[in-house]
Each structure stands twice: as C-alpha cells, then as structure tokens.
Amino acid sequence: MSDTKQYMVRITDGSERPQSYGGFRWNPVGEWTEAPDWNPRPVCGGGLHGQHPEAGGFRLRGGTVPELLEIDGPVVKIRDNKVKVRRAKRIAVGDLNVPEMPLKWKSLDLHDCPGLLGLSKGMMVCSLDLRNCTGLRDLPEGLTARSLDLAGCTGLHELPAGLATENLDLADCIGLYELPEGLTVDWLDLSGCIELYDLPEGLKVDCRITLYNCTGLSEIPAGIPAERVEGWDFERKRAFA
C-alpha cells in the first residue's frame, strides 16, 4: 500500500453492499474492494470511480448517499472531473464529518443527495454543489467555497458565522430563517426563502441579490444599492412573486 493515504468520494444507494455498473458489488464498510476489470488507461471503465480532491465535479445519476473511501495504488484522472483506482475501502457513509475527509477540493458535486448528513470543518472548495441535499441540517464552521450552491436544501435553518463565498445560491431553502452577520458575497439568490424575515444590516452584495418570493421580508438593508437588487418592489416594500 501507499505510504500517503488518499481518499475519494462517490455516490451510492447507501446499502450495505452497493451495486455498480455490470452488477459488480462493493464490499461492506471497512473492507477493501478491488476492481475486477482494472485498466490504467484514462478512460471510463476498468476501475473504481469517484471524485478526488484534484479531480471532482462529476457524478453519475441514481445514487442519493455520498461515501468517503480510502484509496490505494495509482490514481488515474479522467477529464479532470473524476478518477478511477484499483482498490478502495469505504470508511464513511452519509456523514462526511470525519477526520479522514480531505479539506481541500477543486470541485465537489453532491447535488440531489438527501442522504448527506454532514461535512468536515474547515473545508476549502472552489465549487461546491449541494443542491437538494434535504438531509443537511447545517454547514461546517470555517467553510470556504468560491461557488456554493445550496438551492433546495430545505433542512437548512441558518448558515455558519464566518462563511466565505463569492457566489451563494439559497433559492428555495424554505427553512432558512437567518443569515450570518458580516456575510459578503458577489451574487446571492434568496428566491423562495419564505421563512426569512430580516436581512443583516452588515450584508454586503457586490453584484446582485435576488429576492423573488421572499414573502417574509418587508425591507432590505439600506446599504445595498437598488440597482443590485432583483425581484423587489421598492414602492410596496415586498418581493415580487
């Protein structure tokens, strides 16, 4: 085995022995699984596939539960958005708030994973897609993501203090009732956040904030210029439908 441990994330059905293409089944958590058709060429097939800190963003349809796996042997990049390996061991299912979870990722796509329960503190991701992760109740402290998509995360109630992001999509987060003080973003979409009744006075939006169907809001901070606001009726002081 390699001296330096490496890890990848893949999306499964969350069962004890998930099934992959061609009927192949993974071993239970804690046991090594080896690809029966291993081929080191940088093409799909011939290995165990997943998202890697240096090559993430691609995922197959169908799965709803993310898993963290320790990997062994050569890591073969495929189009810079996924990898394949010869051997892997499942170490965490659903809740990725574990010490082994890598903190730095170029891109990580976990959208439509209601089985995602948590992420690790201090994660730094260029692009983090968590759309429709309805089982996610909170985000980790110290999260940094240039682009953070949380649209449809109906279980979220608030965001962590110190969240650092440029593009933040919170559309249809119907349980969200509070934004952190001092939040600074370029783009912010709050469309459909019906439980949001106030925006923090220190909120800074450099390019655009979208407020369609924010039915609980009756005012927006004076520090946000009108030309940066979309979906708001300034005369009636309410959001457009």
C-alpha atoms as a PDB file:
ATOM      1  CA  MET A   1       0.000   0.000   0.000  1.00  0.00           C
ATOM      2  CA  SER A   2       0.995   3.666  -0.482  1.00  0.00           C
ATOM      3  CA  ASP A   3       2.620   5.490   2.452  1.00  0.00           C
ATOM      4  CA  THR A   4       0.463   8.594   1.972  1.00  0.00           C
ATOM      5  CA  LYS A   5      -3.234   7.918   2.268  1.00  0.00           C
ATOM      6  CA  GLN A   6      -5.574   9.310  -0.363  1.00  0.00           C
ATOM      7  CA  TYR A   7      -9.353   9.499  -0.474  1.00  0.00           C
ATOM      8  CA  MET A   8     -12.235   9.903  -2.888  1.00  0.00           C
ATOM      9  CA  VAL A   9     -15.991  10.457  -2.667  1.00  0.00           C
ATOM     10  CA  ARG A  10     -18.608   8.507  -4.574  1.00  0.00           C
ATOM     11  CA  ILE A  11     -22.417   8.485  -4.585  1.00  0.00           C
ATOM     12  CA  THR A  12     -24.273   5.235  -3.832  1.00  0.00           C
ATOM     13  CA  ASP A  13     -27.665   3.949  -2.731  1.00  0.00           C
ATOM     14  CA  GLY A  14     -26.415   3.697   0.856  1.00  0.00           C
ATOM     15  CA  SER A  15     -26.902  -0.062   1.088  1.00  0.00           C
ATOM     16  CA  GLU A  16     -24.544  -2.442   2.888  1.00  0.00           C
ATOM     17  CA  ARG A  17     -23.035  -3.599  -0.425  1.00  0.00           C
ATOM     18  CA  PRO A  18     -23.807  -1.028  -3.147  1.00  0.00           C
ATOM     19  CA  GLN A  19     -24.044  -2.219  -6.716  1.00  0.00           C
ATOM     20  CA  SER A  20     -22.094  -0.638  -9.573  1.00  0.00           C
ATOM     21  CA  TYR A  21     -22.175  -0.961 -13.347  1.00  0.00           C
ATOM     22  CA  GLY A  22     -22.499  -4.516 -14.641  1.00  0.00           C
ATOM     23  CA  GLY A  23     -23.786  -5.944 -11.352  1.00  0.00           C
ATOM     24  CA  PHE A  24     -20.489  -5.534  -9.506  1.00  0.00           C
ATOM     25  CA  ARG A  25     -20.965  -5.155  -5.741  1.00  0.00           C
ATOM     26  CA  TRP A  26     -18.774  -3.364  -3.246  1.00  0.00           C
ATOM     27  CA  ASN A  27     -17.628  -4.985  -0.024  1.00  0.00           C
ATOM     28  CA  PRO A  28     -19.042  -3.724   3.302  1.00  0.00           C
ATOM     29  CA  VAL A  29     -17.665  -0.672   5.111  1.00  0.00           C
ATOM     30  CA  GLY A  30     -14.139  -1.244   6.393  1.00  0.00           C
ATOM     31  CA  GLU A  31     -13.202  -3.886   3.813  1.00  0.00           C
ATOM     32  CA  TRP A  32     -11.078  -3.367   0.718  1.00  0.00           C
ATOM     33  CA  THR A  33     -12.741  -3.747  -2.670  1.00  0.00           C
ATOM     34  CA  GLU A  34     -10.718  -4.411  -5.838  1.00  0.00           C
ATOM     35  CA  ALA A  35     -11.832  -3.662  -9.382  1.00  0.00           C
ATOM     36  CA  PRO A  36     -12.195  -6.978 -11.249  1.00  0.00           C
ATOM     37  CA  ASP A  37     -11.574  -5.267 -14.622  1.00  0.00           C
ATOM     38  CA  TRP A  38      -8.741  -2.876 -13.716  1.00  0.00           C
ATOM     39  CA  ASN A  39      -7.299  -0.944 -16.643  1.00  0.00           C
ATOM     40  CA  PRO A  40      -4.983   2.057 -16.015  1.00  0.00           C
ATOM     41  CA  ARG A  41      -5.922   3.919 -19.196  1.00  0.00           C
ATOM     42  CA  PRO A  42      -7.531   7.362 -18.547  1.00  0.00           C
ATOM     43  CA  VAL A  43     -10.964   6.325 -19.836  1.00  0.00           C
ATOM     44  CA  CYS A  44     -14.213   5.393 -18.128  1.00  0.00           C
ATOM     45  CA  GLY A  45     -14.487   1.751 -17.101  1.00  0.00           C
ATOM     46  CA  GLY A  46     -11.834  -0.598 -15.863  1.00  0.00           C
ATOM     47  CA  GLY A  47     -11.686   0.637 -12.274  1.00  0.00           C
ATOM     48  CA  LEU A  48     -13.450   2.053  -9.235  1.00  0.00           C
ATOM     49  CA  HIS A  49     -14.634   5.597  -9.932  1.00  0.00           C
ATOM     50  CA  GLY A  50     -15.178   8.652  -7.753  1.00  0.00           C
ATOM     51  CA  GLN A  51     -14.466  12.323  -7.113  1.00  0.00           C
ATOM     52  CA  HIS A  52     -10.994  13.229  -5.885  1.00  0.00           C
ATOM     53  CA  PRO A  53      -9.670  16.483  -4.350  1.00  0.00           C
ATOM     54  CA  GLU A  54      -7.736  17.101  -7.564  1.00  0.00           C
ATOM     55  CA  ALA A  55     -10.416  15.846  -9.953  1.00  0.00           C
ATOM     56  CA  GLY A  56     -14.016  16.293  -8.829  1.00  0.00           C
ATOM     57  CA  GLY A  57     -17.323  17.577 -10.080  1.00  0.00           C
ATOM     58  CA  PHE A  58     -18.657  14.584 -11.978  1.00  0.00           C
ATOM     59  CA  ARG A  59     -21.221  12.153 -10.650  1.00  0.00           C
ATOM     60  CA  LEU A  60     -23.494   9.503 -12.052  1.00  0.00           C
ATOM     61  CA  ARG A  61     -27.247   9.666 -11.626  1.00  0.00           C
ATOM     62  CA  GLY A  62     -29.152   7.370  -9.349  1.00  0.00           C
ATOM     63  CA  GLY A  63     -27.317   7.476  -6.036  1.00  0.00           C
ATOM     64  CA  THR A  64     -28.506   9.557  -3.095  1.00  0.00           C
ATOM     65  CA  VAL A  65     -25.921   8.865  -0.381  1.00  0.00           C
ATOM     66  CA  PRO A  66     -22.285  10.062  -0.516  1.00  0.00           C
ATOM     67  CA  GLU A  67     -19.486   7.861   0.742  1.00  0.00           C
ATOM     68  CA  LEU A  68     -15.867   8.573   1.630  1.00  0.00           C
ATOM     69  CA  LEU A  69     -13.353   5.943   0.559  1.00  0.00           C
ATOM     70  CA  GLU A  70      -9.679   5.403   1.252  1.00  0.00           C
ATOM     71  CA  ILE A  71      -7.910   4.505  -1.991  1.00  0.00           C
ATOM     72  CA  ASP A  72      -4.772   2.520  -2.685  1.00  0.00           C
ATOM     73  CA  GLY A  73      -2.486   2.394  -5.691  1.00  0.00           C
ATOM     74  CA  PRO A  74      -2.319   4.681  -8.731  1.00  0.00           C
ATOM     75  CA  VAL A  75      -4.938   7.404  -9.138  1.00  0.00           C
ATOM     76  CA  VAL A  76      -5.959   7.844 -12.772  1.00  0.00           C
ATOM     77  CA  LYS A  77      -7.582  11.173 -13.691  1.00  0.00           C
ATOM     78  CA  ILE A  78     -10.395  11.160 -16.242  1.00  0.00           C
ATOM     79  CA  ARG A  79     -11.147  14.538 -17.863  1.00  0.00           C
ATOM     80  CA  ASP A  80     -10.146  16.377 -14.658  1.00  0.00           C
ATOM     81  CA  ASN A  81     -13.547  15.748 -13.059  1.00  0.00           C
ATOM     82  CA  LYS A  82     -13.218  12.222 -11.692  1.00  0.00           C
ATOM     83  CA  VAL A  83     -10.703   9.472 -11.038  1.00  0.00           C
ATOM     84  CA  LYS A  84     -10.520   5.722 -11.088  1.00  0.00           C
ATOM     85  CA  VAL A  85      -8.491   3.453  -8.845  1.00  0.00           C
ATOM     86  CA  ARG A  86      -7.789  -0.237  -8.461  1.00  0.00           C
ATOM     87  CA  ARG A  87      -8.576  -0.658  -4.764  1.00  0.00           C
ATOM     88  CA  ALA A  88     -10.755   1.297  -2.329  1.00  0.00           C
ATOM     89  CA  LYS A  89     -12.177   0.934   1.169  1.00  0.00           C
ATOM     90  CA  ARG A  90     -15.458   2.510   2.264  1.00  0.00           C
ATOM     91  CA  ILE A  91     -14.927   4.341   5.557  1.00  0.00           C
ATOM     92  CA  ALA A  92     -17.879   6.744   5.964  1.00  0.00           C
ATOM     93  CA  VAL A  93     -21.443   6.692   4.624  1.00  0.00           C
ATOM     94  CA  GLY A  94     -23.736   9.737   4.623  1.00  0.00           C
ATOM     95  CA  ASP A  95     -21.998  11.748   7.323  1.00  0.00           C
ATOM     96  CA  LEU A  96     -18.701  13.014   5.880  1.00  0.00           C
ATOM     97  CA  ASN A  97     -17.783  14.919   9.039  1.00  0.00           C
ATOM     98  CA  VAL A  98     -14.903  12.568   9.777  1.00  0.00           C
ATOM     99  CA  PRO A  99     -11.164  13.224  10.335  1.00  0.00           C
ATOM    100  CA  GLU A 100     -10.255  11.451   7.090  1.00  0.00           C
ATOM    101  CA  MET A 101     -12.301  13.808   4.887  1.00  0.00           C
ATOM    102  CA  PRO A 102      -9.899  15.869   2.728  1.00  0.00           C
ATOM    103  CA  LEU A 103     -10.323  19.581   3.366  1.00  0.00           C
ATOM    104  CA  LYS A 104      -9.125  20.989   0.034  1.00  0.00           C
ATOM    105  CA  TRP A 105     -11.077  20.235  -3.153  1.00  0.00           C
ATOM    106  CA  LYS A 106     -11.050  21.808  -6.589  1.00  0.00           C
ATOM    107  CA  SER A 107     -14.680  20.786  -7.085  1.00  0.00           C
ATOM    108  CA  LEU A 108     -17.175  18.585  -5.275  1.00  0.00           C
ATOM    109  CA  ASP A 109     -20.630  17.725  -6.594  1.00  0.00           C
ATOM    110  CA  LEU A 110     -23.064  16.136  -4.125  1.00  0.00           C
ATOM    111  CA  HIS A 111     -26.324  17.511  -5.530  1.00  0.00           C
ATOM    112  CA  ASP A 112     -29.549  15.521  -5.065  1.00  0.00           C
ATOM    113  CA  CYS A 113     -28.097  13.592  -2.126  1.00  0.00           C
ATOM    114  CA  PRO A 114     -30.716  13.670   0.648  1.00  0.00           C
ATOM    115  CA  GLY A 115     -28.516  11.142   2.429  1.00  0.00           C
ATOM    116  CA  LEU A 116     -25.770  13.705   3.019  1.00  0.00           C
ATOM    117  CA  LEU A 117     -25.746  14.441   6.746  1.00  0.00           C
ATOM    118  CA  GLY A 118     -22.583  16.463   7.299  1.00  0.00           C
ATOM    119  CA  LEU A 119     -19.266  17.808   6.048  1.00  0.00           C
ATOM    120  CA  SER A 120     -15.979  18.439   7.842  1.00  0.00           C
ATOM    121  CA  LYS A 121     -14.964  21.708   9.450  1.00  0.00           C
ATOM    122  CA  GLY A 122     -12.575  23.955   7.578  1.00  0.00           C
ATOM    123  CA  MET A 123     -13.291  22.647   4.085  1.00  0.00           C
ATOM    124  CA  MET A 124     -11.996  24.763   1.181  1.00  0.00           C
ATOM    125  CA  VAL A 125     -13.667  24.069  -2.169  1.00  0.00           C
ATOM    126  CA  CYS A 126     -13.583  26.052  -5.383  1.00  0.00           C
ATOM    127  CA  SER A 127     -17.041  24.836  -6.464  1.00  0.00           C
ATOM    128  CA  LEU A 128     -19.357  23.028  -4.026  1.00  0.00           C
ATOM    129  CA  ASP A 129     -22.714  21.792  -5.322  1.00  0.00           C
ATOM    130  CA  LEU A 130     -25.137  20.729  -2.571  1.00  0.00           C
ATOM    131  CA  ARG A 131     -28.423  21.354  -4.371  1.00  0.00           C
ATOM    132  CA  ASN A 132     -31.404  19.461  -2.934  1.00  0.00           C
ATOM    133  CA  CYS A 133     -29.410  17.870  -0.109  1.00  0.00           C
ATOM    134  CA  THR A 134     -32.531  17.881   2.037  1.00  0.00           C
ATOM    135  CA  GLY A 135     -30.980  15.875   4.870  1.00  0.00           C
ATOM    136  CA  LEU A 136     -28.339  18.532   5.527  1.00  0.00           C
ATOM    137  CA  ARG A 137     -29.204  20.433   8.704  1.00  0.00           C
ATOM    138  CA  ASP A 138     -26.151  22.672   8.997  1.00  0.00           C
ATOM    139  CA  LEU A 139     -22.878  23.576   7.322  1.00  0.00           C
ATOM    140  CA  PRO A 140     -19.452  23.172   8.918  1.00  0.00           C
ATOM    141  CA  GLU A 141     -17.611  26.019  10.577  1.00  0.00           C
ATOM    142  CA  GLY A 142     -14.793  27.524   8.553  1.00  0.00           C
ATOM    143  CA  LEU A 143     -16.298  26.553   5.186  1.00  0.00           C
ATOM    144  CA  THR A 144     -14.767  28.396   2.221  1.00  0.00           C
ATOM    145  CA  ALA A 145     -16.195  27.954  -1.276  1.00  0.00           C
ATOM    146  CA  ARG A 146     -15.888  30.323  -4.204  1.00  0.00           C
ATOM    147  CA  SER A 147     -19.190  28.986  -5.556  1.00  0.00           C
ATOM    148  CA  LEU A 148     -21.675  27.424  -3.121  1.00  0.00           C
ATOM    149  CA  ASP A 149     -24.985  26.050  -4.389  1.00  0.00           C
ATOM    150  CA  LEU A 150     -27.476  25.208  -1.634  1.00  0.00           C
ATOM    151  CA  ALA A 151     -30.685  25.614  -3.645  1.00  0.00           C
ATOM    152  CA  GLY A 152     -33.445  23.352  -2.359  1.00  0.00           C
ATOM    153  CA  CYS A 153     -31.689  22.451   0.901  1.00  0.00           C
ATOM    154  CA  THR A 154     -34.944  22.568   2.822  1.00  0.00           C
ATOM    155  CA  GLY A 155     -33.428  21.317   6.090  1.00  0.00           C
ATOM    156  CA  LEU A 156     -31.080  24.278   6.490  1.00  0.00           C
ATOM    157  CA  HIS A 157     -32.120  26.851   9.112  1.00  0.00           C
ATOM    158  CA  GLU A 158     -29.032  29.041   9.305  1.00  0.00           C
ATOM    159  CA  LEU A 159     -25.512  29.412   7.947  1.00  0.00           C
ATOM    160  CA  PRO A 160     -22.283  29.314   9.964  1.00  0.00           C
ATOM    161  CA  ALA A 161     -20.633  32.521  11.083  1.00  0.00           C
ATOM    162  CA  GLY A 162     -17.584  33.327   9.010  1.00  0.00           C
ATOM    163  CA  LEU A 163     -18.843  31.593   5.875  1.00  0.00           C
ATOM    164  CA  ALA A 164     -16.603  32.695   2.999  1.00  0.00           C
ATOM    165  CA  THR A 165     -18.048  32.505  -0.503  1.00  0.00           C
ATOM    166  CA  GLU A 166     -18.447  34.647  -3.622  1.00  0.00           C
ATOM    167  CA  ASN A 167     -21.484  33.111  -5.312  1.00  0.00           C
ATOM    168  CA  LEU A 168     -24.173  31.808  -2.945  1.00  0.00           C
ATOM    169  CA  ASP A 169     -27.390  30.176  -4.135  1.00  0.00           C
ATOM    170  CA  LEU A 170     -30.014  29.668  -1.401  1.00  0.00           C
ATOM    171  CA  ALA A 171     -33.089  29.527  -3.644  1.00  0.00           C
ATOM    172  CA  ASP A 172     -35.995  27.567  -2.152  1.00  0.00           C
ATOM    173  CA  CYS A 173     -34.287  26.998   1.187  1.00  0.00           C
ATOM    174  CA  ILE A 174     -37.723  27.207   2.784  1.00  0.00           C
ATOM    175  CA  GLY A 175     -36.472  26.534   6.318  1.00  0.00           C
ATOM    176  CA  LEU A 176     -33.787  29.220   6.311  1.00  0.00           C
ATOM    177  CA  TYR A 177     -34.601  31.960   8.821  1.00  0.00           C
ATOM    178  CA  GLU A 178     -31.292  33.754   9.313  1.00  0.00           C
ATOM    179  CA  LEU A 179     -28.153  34.875   7.501  1.00  0.00           C
ATOM    180  CA  PRO A 180     -24.868  35.369   9.380  1.00  0.00           C
ATOM    181  CA  GLU A 181     -23.707  38.839  10.299  1.00  0.00           C
ATOM    182  CA  GLY A 182     -20.959  40.183   8.093  1.00  0.00           C
ATOM    183  CA  LEU A 183     -21.779  37.991   5.112  1.00  0.00           C
ATOM    184  CA  THR A 184     -20.063  39.364   1.986  1.00  0.00           C
ATOM    185  CA  VAL A 185     -20.772  37.926  -1.471  1.00  0.00           C
ATOM    186  CA  ASP A 186     -20.776  38.860  -5.134  1.00  0.00           C
ATOM    187  CA  TRP A 187     -24.006  37.046  -6.044  1.00  0.00           C
ATOM    188  CA  LEU A 188     -26.783  35.964  -3.659  1.00  0.00           C
ATOM    189  CA  ASP A 189     -30.023  34.214  -4.610  1.00  0.00           C
ATOM    190  CA  LEU A 190     -32.652  34.064  -1.841  1.00  0.00           C
ATOM    191  CA  SER A 191     -35.646  33.358  -4.080  1.00  0.00           C
ATOM    192  CA  GLY A 192     -38.328  31.394  -2.253  1.00  0.00           C
ATOM    193  CA  CYS A 193     -36.791  31.724   1.229  1.00  0.00           C
ATOM    194  CA  ILE A 194     -40.214  32.204   2.792  1.00  0.00           C
ATOM    195  CA  GLU A 195     -39.079  31.972   6.442  1.00  0.00           C
ATOM    196  CA  LEU A 196     -36.514  34.755   6.085  1.00  0.00           C
ATOM    197  CA  TYR A 197     -37.924  37.864   7.788  1.00  0.00           C
ATOM    198  CA  ASP A 198     -34.802  40.013   8.110  1.00  0.00           C
ATOM    199  CA  LEU A 199     -31.510  40.565   6.332  1.00  0.00           C
ATOM    200  CA  PRO A 200     -28.490  41.538   8.450  1.00  0.00           C
ATOM    201  CA  GLU A 201     -27.576  45.222   8.231  1.00  0.00           C
ATOM    202  CA  GLY A 202     -23.964  44.284   7.517  1.00  0.00           C
ATOM    203  CA  LEU A 203     -24.859  42.193   4.463  1.00  0.00           C
ATOM    204  CA  LYS A 204     -22.670  43.187   1.509  1.00  0.00           C
ATOM    205  CA  VAL A 205     -23.564  42.211  -2.056  1.00  0.00           C
ATOM    206  CA  ASP A 206     -21.154  43.433  -4.724  1.00  0.00           C
ATOM    207  CA  CYS A 207     -23.064  42.394  -7.861  1.00  0.00           C
ATOM    208  CA  ARG A 208     -26.604  41.015  -7.487  1.00  0.00           C
ATOM    209  CA  ILE A 209     -29.120  39.866  -4.864  1.00  0.00           C
ATOM    210  CA  THR A 210     -32.310  38.077  -5.962  1.00  0.00           C
ATOM    211  CA  LEU A 211     -35.393  38.162  -3.724  1.00  0.00           C
ATOM    212  CA  TYR A 212     -38.336  36.730  -5.695  1.00  0.00           C
ATOM    213  CA  ASN A 213     -40.972  35.111  -3.440  1.00  0.00           C
ATOM    214  CA  CYS A 214     -39.242  36.129  -0.212  1.00  0.00           C
ATOM    215  CA  THR A 215     -42.688  36.675   1.267  1.00  0.00           C
ATOM    216  CA  GLY A 216     -41.479  37.282   4.827  1.00  0.00           C
ATOM    217  CA  LEU A 217     -39.274  40.259   4.015  1.00  0.00           C
ATOM    218  CA  SER A 218     -40.606  43.804   4.467  1.00  0.00           C
ATOM    219  CA  GLU A 219     -37.378  45.716   3.987  1.00  0.00           C
ATOM    220  CA  ILE A 220     -33.804  45.323   2.828  1.00  0.00           C
ATOM    221  CA  PRO A 221     -30.655  46.907   4.268  1.00  0.00           C
ATOM    222  CA  ALA A 222     -30.102  50.491   3.165  1.00  0.00           C
ATOM    223  CA  GLY A 223     -26.503  49.683   2.307  1.00  0.00           C
ATOM    224  CA  ILE A 224     -27.481  47.570  -0.706  1.00  0.00           C
ATOM    225  CA  PRO A 225     -27.870  49.757  -3.816  1.00  0.00           C
ATOM    226  CA  ALA A 226     -31.192  49.390  -5.625  1.00  0.00           C
ATOM    227  CA  GLU A 227     -29.521  48.589  -8.937  1.00  0.00           C
ATOM    228  CA  ARG A 228     -28.092  45.423  -7.402  1.00  0.00           C
ATOM    229  CA  VAL A 229     -31.489  44.119  -6.254  1.00  0.00           C
ATOM    230  CA  GLU A 230     -33.686  41.843  -8.366  1.00  0.00           C
ATOM    231  CA  GLY A 231     -37.213  40.698  -7.508  1.00  0.00           C
ATOM    232  CA  TRP A 232     -38.062  43.512  -5.066  1.00  0.00           C
ATOM    233  CA  ASP A 233     -40.804  46.128  -5.235  1.00  0.00           C
ATOM    234  CA  PHE A 234     -39.249  49.211  -3.611  1.00  0.00           C
ATOM    235  CA  GLU A 235     -42.519  51.148  -3.648  1.00  0.00           C
ATOM    236  CA  ARG A 236     -44.557  48.481  -1.856  1.00  0.00           C
ATOM    237  CA  LYS A 237     -41.622  47.107   0.105  1.00  0.00           C
ATOM    238  CA  ARG A 238     -42.189  43.485  -0.771  1.00  0.00           C
ATOM    239  CA  ALA A 239     -40.811  40.789  -3.005  1.00  0.00           C
ATOM    240  CA  PHE A 240     -42.203  40.135  -6.440  1.00  0.00           C
ATOM    241  CA  ALA A 241     -43.759  36.721  -6.983  1.00  0.00           C
END
